[in-house]
Amino acid sequence: MQVIQRYFDAFNAGDLDGMLACLADDVAHHVNEGKVRVGKDAFAEFCAHMNRSYKEHLTDMVIFEAEGGTRAAAEFIVNGTYLATDPGLPEAHGQTYRLPAGSFFSLRDGKITRVVTYYNLADWIAQVSA
């Protein structure tokens, strides 16, 4: 699943344009504990917000592909630093965290049409509150 690998390579490189190039214009982005955002502009706004508050690098990546190439999933570890306080969450002061996570994808014509990401928010809060 080359588009999924390109998407995560771009994420790890901090390359928002590279990530956006992997997405369909009408991408549906399902955020853990948040609302669904539709479209590349909404995805870019979410990423800009995340980049202000977090610096993350994904490791231990395993990508799974369903037959037919219309769906995929990935399991990985998020290695991060909490840079700036995100409203409604604990205060940031450079805490680091390591968190298992997973993403699920729908694909059409070589582009990602749906991104769903899950992680354990309670685990993250415990790590940054310690």
Protein backbone atom coordinates (compact mmCIF):
# COMPACT_ATOMS: atom_id res chain seq x y z
CA MET A 1 0.00 0.00 0.00
CA GLN A 2 2.32 2.70 -1.27
CA VAL A 3 0.02 5.68 -0.60
CA ILE A 4 -0.24 4.74 3.09
CA GLN A 5 3.54 4.45 3.39
CA ARG A 6 3.97 7.82 1.63
CA TYR A 7 1.42 9.38 4.00
CA PHE A 8 3.30 8.18 7.09
CA ASP A 9 6.71 9.03 5.62
CA ALA A 10 5.43 12.57 5.05
CA PHE A 11 4.07 12.70 8.62
CA ASN A 12 7.43 11.71 10.05
CA ALA A 13 9.19 14.26 7.85
CA GLY A 14 6.83 17.05 8.97
CA ASP A 15 5.78 17.41 5.33
CA LEU A 16 2.15 18.57 5.36
CA ASP A 17 2.09 19.05 1.58
CA GLY A 18 3.28 15.46 1.18
CA MET A 19 0.48 14.24 3.43
CA LEU A 20 -2.12 16.32 1.58
CA ALA A 21 -0.92 14.88 -1.75
CA CYS A 22 -1.98 11.44 -0.49
CA LEU A 23 -5.54 12.56 0.29
CA ALA A 24 -8.65 12.81 -1.86
CA ASP A 25 -10.18 16.30 -1.93
CA ASP A 26 -13.22 15.03 0.01
CA VAL A 27 -11.22 13.11 2.64
CA ALA A 28 -13.11 12.38 5.88
CA HIS A 29 -10.78 12.72 8.86
CA HIS A 30 -12.13 11.00 12.00
CA VAL A 31 -10.18 12.36 14.94
CA ASN A 32 -9.81 10.39 18.18
CA GLU A 33 -12.22 12.00 20.69
CA GLY A 34 -13.23 14.64 18.14
CA LYS A 35 -15.49 15.58 15.27
CA VAL A 36 -15.19 14.32 11.71
CA ARG A 37 -13.50 16.90 9.50
CA VAL A 38 -14.18 16.78 5.77
CA GLY A 39 -11.83 18.03 3.07
CA LYS A 40 -8.16 18.81 2.71
CA ASP A 41 -8.51 22.32 4.18
CA ALA A 42 -10.00 20.95 7.40
CA PHE A 43 -7.25 18.31 7.52
CA ALA A 44 -4.56 20.98 7.08
CA GLU A 45 -6.10 23.13 9.84
CA PHE A 46 -6.10 20.14 12.21
CA CYS A 47 -2.44 19.42 11.39
CA ALA A 48 -1.46 23.06 11.99
CA HIS A 49 -3.12 22.92 15.42
CA MET A 50 -1.39 19.62 16.24
CA ASN A 51 2.02 20.93 15.14
CA ARG A 52 1.71 23.86 17.58
CA SER A 53 1.04 21.58 20.54
CA TYR A 54 2.87 18.35 19.69
CA LYS A 55 6.02 17.07 18.03
CA GLU A 56 5.53 13.42 17.10
CA HIS A 57 7.44 10.69 15.31
CA LEU A 58 5.91 7.31 14.50
CA THR A 59 7.88 4.07 14.89
CA ASP A 60 7.26 0.31 14.83
CA MET A 61 4.94 0.80 11.85
CA VAL A 62 3.03 -2.18 10.47
CA ILE A 63 0.69 -1.54 7.52
CA PHE A 64 -2.11 -3.96 6.62
CA GLU A 65 -3.98 -3.97 3.32
CA ALA A 66 -7.40 -5.48 2.59
CA GLU A 67 -7.88 -7.41 -0.62
CA GLY A 68 -8.87 -5.15 -3.47
CA GLY A 69 -6.90 -2.15 -2.21
CA THR A 70 -9.89 -0.16 -0.94
CA ARG A 71 -9.08 -0.36 2.77
CA ALA A 72 -5.96 -0.43 4.90
CA ALA A 73 -4.86 -0.14 8.51
CA ALA A 74 -1.65 0.65 10.35
CA GLU A 75 -0.42 0.00 13.87
CA PHE A 76 2.42 2.09 15.29
CA ILE A 77 3.96 3.77 18.31
CA VAL A 78 3.63 7.54 18.71
CA ASN A 79 6.77 9.03 20.25
CA GLY A 80 6.00 12.59 21.17
CA THR A 81 6.72 15.78 23.04
CA TYR A 82 3.93 17.96 24.38
CA LEU A 83 4.99 21.46 23.32
CA ALA A 84 2.12 23.83 24.12
CA THR A 85 -1.02 23.37 26.19
CA ASP A 86 -3.95 22.10 24.16
CA PRO A 87 -7.22 23.58 25.51
CA GLY A 88 -9.01 21.21 27.86
CA LEU A 89 -5.93 19.03 28.39
CA PRO A 90 -3.16 19.08 31.03
CA GLU A 91 -0.64 21.91 30.97
CA ALA A 92 2.30 21.39 28.63
CA HIS A 93 5.89 21.77 29.77
CA GLY A 94 7.82 19.61 27.33
CA GLN A 95 6.63 16.23 28.60
CA THR A 96 7.44 13.22 26.44
CA TYR A 97 5.15 10.29 25.80
CA ARG A 98 5.11 6.93 24.05
CA LEU A 99 1.71 5.70 22.98
CA PRO A 100 0.45 2.77 20.89
CA ALA A 101 -2.00 3.89 18.19
CA GLY A 102 -3.73 2.71 15.05
CA SER A 103 -5.18 4.24 11.91
CA PHE A 104 -7.74 2.93 9.46
CA PHE A 105 -8.08 4.07 5.87
CA SER A 106 -10.46 3.91 2.93
CA LEU A 107 -8.96 4.40 -0.53
CA ARG A 108 -10.21 5.33 -3.99
CA ASP A 109 -8.20 5.84 -7.17
CA GLY A 110 -4.89 5.75 -5.29
CA LYS A 111 -5.94 8.43 -2.76
CA ILE A 112 -6.96 8.23 0.88
CA THR A 113 -10.67 9.06 1.30
CA ARG A 114 -10.99 8.29 5.03
CA VAL A 115 -8.53 8.46 7.93
CA VAL A 116 -9.54 7.22 11.38
CA THR A 117 -6.96 7.31 14.18
CA TYR A 118 -7.34 5.77 17.64
CA TYR A 119 -5.19 5.92 20.75
CA ASN A 120 -5.85 5.69 24.48
CA LEU A 121 -6.42 9.27 25.63
CA ALA A 122 -6.43 8.26 29.32
CA ASP A 123 -2.97 6.69 28.85
CA TRP A 124 -1.68 9.87 27.18
CA ILE A 125 -3.09 12.07 29.98
CA ALA A 126 -1.49 9.84 32.60
CA GLN A 127 1.88 10.06 30.85
CA VAL A 128 1.89 13.86 30.51
CA SER A 129 0.50 14.35 34.03
CA ALA A 130 3.15 12.26 35.78
